[in-house]
Amino acid sequence: RAHTVGVEITARVPSVFPGLGLTVHAQSVGPVERFVREGEE
């Protein structure tokens, strides 16, 4: 879509217990916001 933007993040979490490897993943998409002067499109 022309007027949307998204981000995707994947990260490894530091382990408190040996041998326990965890990964977190998040993503978000939303409309692009743009501020314009009055009368401008």
C-alpha atoms as a PDB file:
ATOM      1  CA  ARG A   1       0.000   0.000   0.000  1.00  0.00           C
ATOM      2  CA  ALA A   2       1.229   3.466  -0.840  1.00  0.00           C
ATOM      3  CA  HIS A   3       0.190   5.160   2.412  1.00  0.00           C
ATOM      4  CA  THR A   4       1.240   2.585   5.001  1.00  0.00           C
ATOM      5  CA  VAL A   5       4.521   1.828   6.703  1.00  0.00           C
ATOM      6  CA  GLY A   6       5.642  -1.143   8.735  1.00  0.00           C
ATOM      7  CA  VAL A   7       8.408  -2.366  10.973  1.00  0.00           C
ATOM      8  CA  GLU A   8       9.464  -5.874  11.966  1.00  0.00           C
ATOM      9  CA  ILE A   9      11.872  -6.666  14.808  1.00  0.00           C
ATOM     10  CA  THR A  10      13.393  -9.979  15.871  1.00  0.00           C
ATOM     11  CA  ALA A  11      15.793 -10.235  18.813  1.00  0.00           C
ATOM     12  CA  ARG A  12      17.422 -12.852  20.993  1.00  0.00           C
ATOM     13  CA  VAL A  13      16.738 -12.481  24.706  1.00  0.00           C
ATOM     14  CA  PRO A  14      19.669 -12.845  27.132  1.00  0.00           C
ATOM     15  CA  SER A  15      19.339 -16.221  28.851  1.00  0.00           C
ATOM     16  CA  VAL A  16      19.077 -16.524  32.622  1.00  0.00           C
ATOM     17  CA  PHE A  17      19.255 -20.319  32.428  1.00  0.00           C
ATOM     18  CA  PRO A  18      22.020 -22.121  30.488  1.00  0.00           C
ATOM     19  CA  GLY A  19      20.730 -23.794  27.325  1.00  0.00           C
ATOM     20  CA  LEU A  20      17.491 -21.805  27.212  1.00  0.00           C
ATOM     21  CA  GLY A  21      17.639 -19.587  24.124  1.00  0.00           C
ATOM     22  CA  LEU A  22      14.618 -17.362  23.548  1.00  0.00           C
ATOM     23  CA  THR A  23      13.730 -15.171  20.585  1.00  0.00           C
ATOM     24  CA  VAL A  24      11.125 -12.413  20.536  1.00  0.00           C
ATOM     25  CA  HIS A  25       9.414 -11.133  17.412  1.00  0.00           C
ATOM     26  CA  ALA A  26       7.146  -8.130  16.883  1.00  0.00           C
ATOM     27  CA  GLN A  27       5.682  -6.357  13.890  1.00  0.00           C
ATOM     28  CA  SER A  28       3.489  -3.327  13.386  1.00  0.00           C
ATOM     29  CA  VAL A  29       1.860  -1.615  10.398  1.00  0.00           C
ATOM     30  CA  GLY A  30       0.115   1.742  10.321  1.00  0.00           C
ATOM     31  CA  PRO A  31      -0.799   4.723   8.170  1.00  0.00           C
ATOM     32  CA  VAL A  32       1.808   7.290   7.159  1.00  0.00           C
ATOM     33  CA  GLU A  33       1.084  10.661   8.764  1.00  0.00           C
ATOM     34  CA  ARG A  34       2.018  13.881   7.030  1.00  0.00           C
ATOM     35  CA  PHE A  35       1.528  17.437   8.241  1.00  0.00           C
ATOM     36  CA  VAL A  36       0.634  19.977   5.532  1.00  0.00           C
ATOM     37  CA  ARG A  37      -0.199  23.659   5.417  1.00  0.00           C
ATOM     38  CA  GLU A  38      -3.825  24.680   5.145  1.00  0.00           C
ATOM     39  CA  GLY A  39      -4.991  24.448   1.512  1.00  0.00           C
ATOM     40  CA  GLU A  40      -2.138  22.094   0.577  1.00  0.00           C
ATOM     41  CA  GLU A  41      -2.905  18.514  -0.366  1.00  0.00           C
END
